[in-house]
Amino acid sequence: MTRLLQDKNVIIYGAGGGIGGGVARTFAQEGARVFLTGRTRKPLEAVAADITAAGGFAEVAEVDALDERAVDEHARAVVSQAGSLDVSFNLITRGDVQGDPLIEMPAAALTTAVTNGLLTSFITARAAARHMVTQGSGVILTVTSGSSRGAAPMMGSTGPADAAVETFLRYLAAEVGPNGVRVVGLHTAGVVETMTREKVVKVNEAMSDFDPAMFEQMMAGMTMLKRAPRLAQVADTAAFLASDRAAGITGTIVNVTCGLVAG
């Protein structure tokens, strides 16, 4: 049976992170050639080693997804080597700050995530879209948390950053759609396997006593399905959206939060 992403060439930005690594492994299992990028080589190489050990193809490059020249040059190199760029998936961290009231946050704490999120989405999507428009096909994916839909207190810069990225994706989808390029986002939050104490404290310093097991229980109680989202569910959904089987889906956000976010 043909795999979902057989012979697709995929760039993943932030492939050394929890969700990025999980997505990369799943994409490779589904037949994609994955080009793993990030600012630190060691975690990328760990993901690549898993993929190659399982018989897949993975290539690593240190690329800062906020660096226009680096992103453009890498995308060109991938197309030159592989012949096409079929999927671009941005999963980098933005520098979100949570846990402080908005009226007490420094301006930079708010704008860093908004600026980084919008810029990296623009830079990576633009680099991919230029090649995809020429070839007449391609998929641009990114992840946000769904915070743009709600109004929960103490979420800091996350909601505004999500909103900026999602608005950009909708406008981009309208422009590149006639050329056969799809643009799709995924909402996910609290993915159990990625919620380490180190990661949580980096975003919210007040969570120094973070307990993964208690967090999972809390998350499960808040979702419609009464369970927290798992990494495999996010990666499988992303693989479907990147595939030709999702050819009718663009300009929207697919909700993979187990019902934490409504709609």
C-alpha atoms as a PDB file:
ATOM      1  CA  MET A   1       0.000   0.000   0.000  1.00  0.00           C
ATOM      2  CA  THR A   2       1.289   3.462  -0.908  1.00  0.00           C
ATOM      3  CA  ARG A   3       2.203   5.498   2.136  1.00  0.00           C
ATOM      4  CA  LEU A   4       0.600   8.897   2.755  1.00  0.00           C
ATOM      5  CA  LEU A   5       3.696  10.962   1.964  1.00  0.00           C
ATOM      6  CA  GLN A   6       5.521   8.663  -0.409  1.00  0.00           C
ATOM      7  CA  ASP A   7       8.396  10.534  -2.117  1.00  0.00           C
ATOM      8  CA  LYS A   8       7.358  13.920  -0.704  1.00  0.00           C
ATOM      9  CA  ASN A   9      10.187  16.322   0.159  1.00  0.00           C
ATOM     10  CA  VAL A  10       9.541  18.012   3.495  1.00  0.00           C
ATOM     11  CA  ILE A  11      11.338  20.762   5.407  1.00  0.00           C
ATOM     12  CA  ILE A  12      10.594  20.843   9.128  1.00  0.00           C
ATOM     13  CA  TYR A  13      11.659  23.926  11.067  1.00  0.00           C
ATOM     14  CA  GLY A  14      12.163  23.196  14.755  1.00  0.00           C
ATOM     15  CA  ALA A  15      12.561  19.468  14.092  1.00  0.00           C
ATOM     16  CA  GLY A  16      14.616  18.935  17.243  1.00  0.00           C
ATOM     17  CA  GLY A  17      11.723  19.860  19.538  1.00  0.00           C
ATOM     18  CA  GLY A  18       9.145  17.540  21.039  1.00  0.00           C
ATOM     19  CA  ILE A  19       6.402  18.005  18.454  1.00  0.00           C
ATOM     20  CA  GLY A  20       8.875  18.628  15.623  1.00  0.00           C
ATOM     21  CA  GLY A  21      10.716  15.382  16.260  1.00  0.00           C
ATOM     22  CA  GLY A  22       7.493  13.400  16.524  1.00  0.00           C
ATOM     23  CA  VAL A  23       6.168  14.874  13.298  1.00  0.00           C
ATOM     24  CA  ALA A  24       9.470  14.199  11.507  1.00  0.00           C
ATOM     25  CA  ARG A  25       9.471  10.541  12.538  1.00  0.00           C
ATOM     26  CA  THR A  26       5.859  10.064  11.433  1.00  0.00           C
ATOM     27  CA  PHE A  27       6.389  11.839   8.117  1.00  0.00           C
ATOM     28  CA  ALA A  28       9.394   9.610   7.405  1.00  0.00           C
ATOM     29  CA  GLN A  29       7.382   6.495   8.298  1.00  0.00           C
ATOM     30  CA  GLU A  30       4.813   7.677   5.769  1.00  0.00           C
ATOM     31  CA  GLY A  31       7.466   7.766   3.041  1.00  0.00           C
ATOM     32  CA  ALA A  32       8.633  11.397   3.089  1.00  0.00           C
ATOM     33  CA  ARG A  33      12.214  12.552   2.701  1.00  0.00           C
ATOM     34  CA  VAL A  34      12.583  14.895   5.670  1.00  0.00           C
ATOM     35  CA  PHE A  35      14.997  17.812   5.855  1.00  0.00           C
ATOM     36  CA  LEU A  36      15.391  18.647   9.527  1.00  0.00           C
ATOM     37  CA  THR A  37      16.335  22.166  10.553  1.00  0.00           C
ATOM     38  CA  GLY A  38      16.906  23.996  13.794  1.00  0.00           C
ATOM     39  CA  ARG A  39      19.432  26.216  15.531  1.00  0.00           C
ATOM     40  CA  THR A  40      21.090  23.356  17.446  1.00  0.00           C
ATOM     41  CA  ARG A  41      22.495  20.348  15.614  1.00  0.00           C
ATOM     42  CA  LYS A  42      22.578  17.700  18.358  1.00  0.00           C
ATOM     43  CA  PRO A  43      18.803  17.195  18.830  1.00  0.00           C
ATOM     44  CA  LEU A  44      18.335  17.204  15.060  1.00  0.00           C
ATOM     45  CA  GLU A  45      20.902  14.456  14.684  1.00  0.00           C
ATOM     46  CA  ALA A  46      19.109  12.374  17.328  1.00  0.00           C
ATOM     47  CA  VAL A  47      15.869  12.578  15.347  1.00  0.00           C
ATOM     48  CA  ALA A  48      17.695  11.840  12.096  1.00  0.00           C
ATOM     49  CA  ALA A  49      19.356   8.778  13.657  1.00  0.00           C
ATOM     50  CA  ASP A  50      15.957   7.370  14.641  1.00  0.00           C
ATOM     51  CA  ILE A  51      14.626   7.924  11.137  1.00  0.00           C
ATOM     52  CA  THR A  52      17.563   6.375   9.317  1.00  0.00           C
ATOM     53  CA  ALA A  53      17.629   3.415  11.723  1.00  0.00           C
ATOM     54  CA  ALA A  54      14.025   2.755  10.723  1.00  0.00           C
ATOM     55  CA  GLY A  55      14.956   2.851   7.022  1.00  0.00           C
ATOM     56  CA  GLY A  56      13.879   6.416   6.276  1.00  0.00           C
ATOM     57  CA  PHE A  57      15.667   9.428   4.801  1.00  0.00           C
ATOM     58  CA  ALA A  58      16.621  12.410   6.941  1.00  0.00           C
ATOM     59  CA  GLU A  59      19.092  15.208   6.383  1.00  0.00           C
ATOM     60  CA  VAL A  60      20.116  17.760   9.012  1.00  0.00           C
ATOM     61  CA  ALA A  61      20.958  21.453   8.625  1.00  0.00           C
ATOM     62  CA  GLU A  62      21.476  24.221  11.152  1.00  0.00           C
ATOM     63  CA  VAL A  63      19.060  26.936  10.038  1.00  0.00           C
ATOM     64  CA  ASP A  64      17.725  29.859  12.045  1.00  0.00           C
ATOM     65  CA  ALA A  65      14.104  30.133  10.901  1.00  0.00           C
ATOM     66  CA  LEU A  66      14.185  33.886  11.619  1.00  0.00           C
ATOM     67  CA  ASP A  67      17.081  34.401   9.193  1.00  0.00           C
ATOM     68  CA  GLU A  68      15.730  35.253   5.729  1.00  0.00           C
ATOM     69  CA  ARG A  69      18.905  34.453   3.837  1.00  0.00           C
ATOM     70  CA  ALA A  70      19.514  31.160   5.630  1.00  0.00           C
ATOM     71  CA  VAL A  71      15.940  29.981   5.066  1.00  0.00           C
ATOM     72  CA  ASP A  72      15.934  30.987   1.391  1.00  0.00           C
ATOM     73  CA  GLU A  73      19.305  29.364   0.718  1.00  0.00           C
ATOM     74  CA  HIS A  74      18.303  26.130   2.451  1.00  0.00           C
ATOM     75  CA  ALA A  75      15.001  25.905   0.549  1.00  0.00           C
ATOM     76  CA  ARG A  76      16.850  26.406  -2.732  1.00  0.00           C
ATOM     77  CA  ALA A  77      19.361  23.722  -1.774  1.00  0.00           C
ATOM     78  CA  VAL A  78      16.593  21.243  -0.975  1.00  0.00           C
ATOM     79  CA  VAL A  79      14.887  21.859  -4.320  1.00  0.00           C
ATOM     80  CA  SER A  80      18.199  21.595  -6.153  1.00  0.00           C
ATOM     81  CA  GLN A  81      19.000  18.304  -4.432  1.00  0.00           C
ATOM     82  CA  ALA A  82      15.579  16.661  -4.236  1.00  0.00           C
ATOM     83  CA  GLY A  83      13.828  18.202  -7.241  1.00  0.00           C
ATOM     84  CA  SER A  84      10.884  19.715  -5.380  1.00  0.00           C
ATOM     85  CA  LEU A  85       9.685  21.111  -2.072  1.00  0.00           C
ATOM     86  CA  ASP A  86       6.343  19.531  -1.261  1.00  0.00           C
ATOM     87  CA  VAL A  87       5.740  20.394   2.397  1.00  0.00           C
ATOM     88  CA  SER A  88       7.033  23.112   4.721  1.00  0.00           C
ATOM     89  CA  PHE A  89       6.183  22.800   8.420  1.00  0.00           C
ATOM     90  CA  ASN A  90       7.098  25.491  10.967  1.00  0.00           C
ATOM     91  CA  LEU A  91       7.284  24.334  14.599  1.00  0.00           C
ATOM     92  CA  ILE A  92       9.821  26.698  16.148  1.00  0.00           C
ATOM     93  CA  THR A  93       9.386  28.227  19.584  1.00  0.00           C
ATOM     94  CA  ARG A  94       8.492  31.930  19.637  1.00  0.00           C
ATOM     95  CA  GLY A  95       9.500  33.054  23.117  1.00  0.00           C
ATOM     96  CA  ASP A  96       5.979  33.067  24.575  1.00  0.00           C
ATOM     97  CA  VAL A  97       5.573  34.521  28.069  1.00  0.00           C
ATOM     98  CA  GLN A  98       2.701  33.418  30.292  1.00  0.00           C
ATOM     99  CA  GLY A  99       1.738  33.708  33.932  1.00  0.00           C
ATOM    100  CA  ASP A 100       1.879  37.505  34.298  1.00  0.00           C
ATOM    101  CA  PRO A 101      -1.107  39.866  34.097  1.00  0.00           C
ATOM    102  CA  LEU A 102      -1.111  41.814  30.844  1.00  0.00           C
ATOM    103  CA  ILE A 103      -1.237  45.115  32.721  1.00  0.00           C
ATOM    104  CA  GLU A 104       2.058  44.244  34.421  1.00  0.00           C
ATOM    105  CA  MET A 105       3.926  42.768  31.431  1.00  0.00           C
ATOM    106  CA  PRO A 106       6.795  44.694  29.839  1.00  0.00           C
ATOM    107  CA  ALA A 107       6.051  45.555  26.218  1.00  0.00           C
ATOM    108  CA  ALA A 108       8.890  43.330  24.999  1.00  0.00           C
ATOM    109  CA  ALA A 109       7.388  40.314  26.762  1.00  0.00           C
ATOM    110  CA  LEU A 110       4.257  40.729  24.661  1.00  0.00           C
ATOM    111  CA  THR A 111       5.831  41.669  21.346  1.00  0.00           C
ATOM    112  CA  THR A 112       8.652  39.091  21.227  1.00  0.00           C
ATOM    113  CA  ALA A 113       6.344  36.131  20.615  1.00  0.00           C
ATOM    114  CA  VAL A 114       4.129  38.100  18.245  1.00  0.00           C
ATOM    115  CA  THR A 115       7.079  39.334  16.203  1.00  0.00           C
ATOM    116  CA  ASN A 116       8.958  36.029  16.170  1.00  0.00           C
ATOM    117  CA  GLY A 117       5.847  34.015  15.349  1.00  0.00           C
ATOM    118  CA  LEU A 118       4.754  36.255  12.501  1.00  0.00           C
ATOM    119  CA  LEU A 119       8.248  36.719  11.077  1.00  0.00           C
ATOM    120  CA  THR A 120       9.231  33.065  11.051  1.00  0.00           C
ATOM    121  CA  SER A 121       5.878  32.075   9.558  1.00  0.00           C
ATOM    122  CA  PHE A 122       6.313  34.685   6.844  1.00  0.00           C
ATOM    123  CA  ILE A 123       9.967  33.892   6.107  1.00  0.00           C
ATOM    124  CA  THR A 124       9.586  30.116   5.933  1.00  0.00           C
ATOM    125  CA  ALA A 125       6.230  30.159   4.135  1.00  0.00           C
ATOM    126  CA  ARG A 126       7.477  32.700   1.590  1.00  0.00           C
ATOM    127  CA  ALA A 127      10.582  30.625   0.850  1.00  0.00           C
ATOM    128  CA  ALA A 128       8.489  27.504   0.328  1.00  0.00           C
ATOM    129  CA  ALA A 129       5.668  29.190  -1.585  1.00  0.00           C
ATOM    130  CA  ARG A 130       8.016  30.636  -4.193  1.00  0.00           C
ATOM    131  CA  HIS A 131       9.046  27.107  -5.191  1.00  0.00           C
ATOM    132  CA  MET A 132       5.587  25.603  -4.737  1.00  0.00           C
ATOM    133  CA  VAL A 133       3.881  28.206  -6.924  1.00  0.00           C
ATOM    134  CA  THR A 134       6.341  27.425  -9.711  1.00  0.00           C
ATOM    135  CA  GLN A 135       5.818  23.667  -9.454  1.00  0.00           C
ATOM    136  CA  GLY A 136       2.048  24.069  -9.061  1.00  0.00           C
ATOM    137  CA  SER A 137       1.661  22.182  -5.778  1.00  0.00           C
ATOM    138  CA  GLY A 138       2.686  22.123  -2.147  1.00  0.00           C
ATOM    139  CA  VAL A 139       1.509  22.365   1.463  1.00  0.00           C
ATOM    140  CA  ILE A 140       2.508  24.921   4.102  1.00  0.00           C
ATOM    141  CA  LEU A 141       1.763  23.899   7.697  1.00  0.00           C
ATOM    142  CA  THR A 142       2.224  25.461  11.108  1.00  0.00           C
ATOM    143  CA  VAL A 143       1.094  24.936  14.694  1.00  0.00           C
ATOM    144  CA  THR A 144      -0.627  27.348  17.068  1.00  0.00           C
ATOM    145  CA  SER A 145      -2.287  26.675  20.410  1.00  0.00           C
ATOM    146  CA  GLY A 146      -5.832  27.844  19.815  1.00  0.00           C
ATOM    147  CA  SER A 147      -5.379  30.655  22.337  1.00  0.00           C
ATOM    148  CA  SER A 148      -6.518  33.158  19.727  1.00  0.00           C
ATOM    149  CA  ARG A 149     -10.057  31.807  20.079  1.00  0.00           C
ATOM    150  CA  GLY A 150     -10.449  32.307  23.804  1.00  0.00           C
ATOM    151  CA  ALA A 151      -9.879  34.907  26.462  1.00  0.00           C
ATOM    152  CA  ALA A 152      -8.266  32.973  29.289  1.00  0.00           C
ATOM    153  CA  PRO A 153      -6.406  35.041  31.886  1.00  0.00           C
ATOM    154  CA  MET A 154      -2.648  34.871  32.361  1.00  0.00           C
ATOM    155  CA  MET A 155      -1.929  33.515  28.874  1.00  0.00           C
ATOM    156  CA  GLY A 156       0.280  36.512  28.161  1.00  0.00           C
ATOM    157  CA  SER A 157       1.655  36.788  24.651  1.00  0.00           C
ATOM    158  CA  THR A 158       0.389  33.442  23.379  1.00  0.00           C
ATOM    159  CA  GLY A 159      -3.059  34.558  22.206  1.00  0.00           C
ATOM    160  CA  PRO A 160      -1.872  37.653  20.315  1.00  0.00           C
ATOM    161  CA  ALA A 161       0.961  35.653  18.709  1.00  0.00           C
ATOM    162  CA  ASP A 162      -1.421  32.899  17.611  1.00  0.00           C
ATOM    163  CA  ALA A 163      -3.833  35.448  16.166  1.00  0.00           C
ATOM    164  CA  ALA A 164      -1.113  37.172  14.143  1.00  0.00           C
ATOM    165  CA  VAL A 165       0.142  33.882  12.665  1.00  0.00           C
ATOM    166  CA  GLU A 166      -3.326  32.566  11.860  1.00  0.00           C
ATOM    167  CA  THR A 167      -4.378  35.774  10.114  1.00  0.00           C
ATOM    168  CA  PHE A 168      -1.249  35.670   7.972  1.00  0.00           C
ATOM    169  CA  LEU A 169      -1.917  32.029   7.027  1.00  0.00           C
ATOM    170  CA  ARG A 170      -5.458  32.805   5.850  1.00  0.00           C
ATOM    171  CA  TYR A 171      -4.283  35.661   3.640  1.00  0.00           C
ATOM    172  CA  LEU A 172      -1.447  33.544   2.248  1.00  0.00           C
ATOM    173  CA  ALA A 173      -3.849  30.690   1.483  1.00  0.00           C
ATOM    174  CA  ALA A 174      -6.020  33.046  -0.561  1.00  0.00           C
ATOM    175  CA  GLU A 175      -3.049  34.249  -2.613  1.00  0.00           C
ATOM    176  CA  VAL A 176      -1.295  30.958  -3.356  1.00  0.00           C
ATOM    177  CA  GLY A 177      -4.358  28.733  -3.641  1.00  0.00           C
ATOM    178  CA  PRO A 178      -4.894  29.376  -7.366  1.00  0.00           C
ATOM    179  CA  ASN A 179      -1.398  27.987  -7.944  1.00  0.00           C
ATOM    180  CA  GLY A 180      -2.196  24.687  -6.247  1.00  0.00           C
ATOM    181  CA  VAL A 181      -0.609  25.496  -2.876  1.00  0.00           C
ATOM    182  CA  ARG A 182      -2.476  24.729   0.343  1.00  0.00           C
ATOM    183  CA  VAL A 183      -1.921  26.507   3.685  1.00  0.00           C
ATOM    184  CA  VAL A 184      -3.192  24.821   6.845  1.00  0.00           C
ATOM    185  CA  GLY A 185      -2.684  25.297  10.586  1.00  0.00           C
ATOM    186  CA  LEU A 186      -3.079  22.927  13.498  1.00  0.00           C
ATOM    187  CA  HIS A 187      -4.361  23.850  16.937  1.00  0.00           C
ATOM    188  CA  THR A 188      -2.797  21.815  19.701  1.00  0.00           C
ATOM    189  CA  ALA A 189      -1.894  22.425  23.323  1.00  0.00           C
ATOM    190  CA  GLY A 190      -0.625  20.454  26.295  1.00  0.00           C
ATOM    191  CA  VAL A 191       0.701  17.536  24.246  1.00  0.00           C
ATOM    192  CA  VAL A 192       1.604  15.156  27.044  1.00  0.00           C
ATOM    193  CA  GLU A 193       4.930  13.797  25.811  1.00  0.00           C
ATOM    194  CA  THR A 194       6.333  17.279  25.190  1.00  0.00           C
ATOM    195  CA  MET A 195       5.400  18.900  28.508  1.00  0.00           C
ATOM    196  CA  THR A 196       8.666  18.813  30.436  1.00  0.00           C
ATOM    197  CA  ARG A 197       9.331  20.931  33.502  1.00  0.00           C
ATOM    198  CA  GLU A 198      12.168  22.723  31.702  1.00  0.00           C
ATOM    199  CA  LYS A 199       9.943  23.662  28.789  1.00  0.00           C
ATOM    200  CA  VAL A 200       7.042  24.817  30.969  1.00  0.00           C
ATOM    201  CA  VAL A 201       9.181  26.953  33.279  1.00  0.00           C
ATOM    202  CA  LYS A 202      10.780  28.646  30.282  1.00  0.00           C
ATOM    203  CA  VAL A 203       7.342  29.973  29.319  1.00  0.00           C
ATOM    204  CA  ASN A 204       5.903  30.442  32.808  1.00  0.00           C
ATOM    205  CA  GLU A 205       8.368  30.892  35.696  1.00  0.00           C
ATOM    206  CA  ALA A 206       5.569  30.458  38.239  1.00  0.00           C
ATOM    207  CA  MET A 207       5.280  26.771  37.248  1.00  0.00           C
ATOM    208  CA  SER A 208       8.529  25.736  38.972  1.00  0.00           C
ATOM    209  CA  ASP A 209       6.707  22.887  40.752  1.00  0.00           C
ATOM    210  CA  PHE A 210       5.316  21.492  37.479  1.00  0.00           C
ATOM    211  CA  ASP A 211       4.335  17.816  37.710  1.00  0.00           C
ATOM    212  CA  PRO A 212       3.720  16.101  34.319  1.00  0.00           C
ATOM    213  CA  ALA A 213       1.333  13.493  35.732  1.00  0.00           C
ATOM    214  CA  MET A 214      -0.791  16.087  37.513  1.00  0.00           C
ATOM    215  CA  PHE A 215      -0.743  18.269  34.415  1.00  0.00           C
ATOM    216  CA  GLU A 216      -2.027  15.436  32.242  1.00  0.00           C
ATOM    217  CA  GLN A 217      -4.842  14.771  34.690  1.00  0.00           C
ATOM    218  CA  MET A 218      -5.762  18.460  34.755  1.00  0.00           C
ATOM    219  CA  MET A 219      -5.696  18.705  30.959  1.00  0.00           C
ATOM    220  CA  ALA A 220      -7.848  15.613  30.596  1.00  0.00           C
ATOM    221  CA  GLY A 221     -10.461  17.120  32.885  1.00  0.00           C
ATOM    222  CA  MET A 222     -10.630  20.267  30.728  1.00  0.00           C
ATOM    223  CA  THR A 223     -11.128  18.605  27.339  1.00  0.00           C
ATOM    224  CA  MET A 224     -14.334  17.359  25.740  1.00  0.00           C
ATOM    225  CA  LEU A 225     -12.842  13.897  25.264  1.00  0.00           C
ATOM    226  CA  LYS A 226     -11.595  13.807  28.865  1.00  0.00           C
ATOM    227  CA  ARG A 227      -8.075  12.984  27.757  1.00  0.00           C
ATOM    228  CA  ALA A 228      -5.080  15.088  26.854  1.00  0.00           C
ATOM    229  CA  PRO A 229      -3.806  15.179  23.265  1.00  0.00           C
ATOM    230  CA  ARG A 230      -0.957  12.792  22.456  1.00  0.00           C
ATOM    231  CA  LEU A 231       1.996  13.357  20.185  1.00  0.00           C
ATOM    232  CA  ALA A 232       1.002  10.538  17.827  1.00  0.00           C
ATOM    233  CA  GLN A 233      -2.417  12.130  17.282  1.00  0.00           C
ATOM    234  CA  VAL A 234      -0.876  15.466  16.335  1.00  0.00           C
ATOM    235  CA  ALA A 235       1.702  13.855  14.040  1.00  0.00           C
ATOM    236  CA  ASP A 236      -0.849  11.607  12.330  1.00  0.00           C
ATOM    237  CA  THR A 237      -3.152  14.565  11.707  1.00  0.00           C
ATOM    238  CA  ALA A 238      -0.276  16.594  10.296  1.00  0.00           C
ATOM    239  CA  ALA A 239       0.690  13.726   7.986  1.00  0.00           C
ATOM    240  CA  PHE A 240      -2.856  13.530   6.652  1.00  0.00           C
ATOM    241  CA  LEU A 241      -3.027  17.293   6.090  1.00  0.00           C
ATOM    242  CA  ALA A 242       0.309  17.217   4.264  1.00  0.00           C
ATOM    243  CA  SER A 243      -0.883  14.427   1.997  1.00  0.00           C
ATOM    244  CA  ASP A 244      -2.852  14.493  -1.237  1.00  0.00           C
ATOM    245  CA  ARG A 245      -5.795  12.945   0.609  1.00  0.00           C
ATOM    246  CA  ALA A 246      -6.388  16.344   2.208  1.00  0.00           C
ATOM    247  CA  ALA A 247      -6.377  18.101  -1.164  1.00  0.00           C
ATOM    248  CA  GLY A 248      -9.618  19.961  -0.387  1.00  0.00           C
ATOM    249  CA  ILE A 249      -8.382  21.538   2.862  1.00  0.00           C
ATOM    250  CA  THR A 250      -6.788  25.000   2.940  1.00  0.00           C
ATOM    251  CA  GLY A 251      -7.114  28.370   4.639  1.00  0.00           C
ATOM    252  CA  THR A 252      -8.207  26.873   7.948  1.00  0.00           C
ATOM    253  CA  ILE A 253      -7.026  25.525  11.303  1.00  0.00           C
ATOM    254  CA  VAL A 254      -7.554  21.875  12.206  1.00  0.00           C
ATOM    255  CA  ASN A 255      -8.276  21.340  15.900  1.00  0.00           C
ATOM    256  CA  VAL A 256      -6.167  18.586  17.538  1.00  0.00           C
ATOM    257  CA  THR A 257      -6.761  19.555  21.173  1.00  0.00           C
ATOM    258  CA  CYS A 258      -9.151  16.720  22.180  1.00  0.00           C
ATOM    259  CA  GLY A 259     -11.745  19.455  22.569  1.00  0.00           C
ATOM    260  CA  LEU A 260      -9.770  21.745  24.871  1.00  0.00           C
ATOM    261  CA  VAL A 261     -10.495  24.457  22.320  1.00  0.00           C
ATOM    262  CA  ALA A 262     -14.046  24.529  20.965  1.00  0.00           C
ATOM    263  CA  GLY A 263     -14.723  24.934  17.266  1.00  0.00           C
END
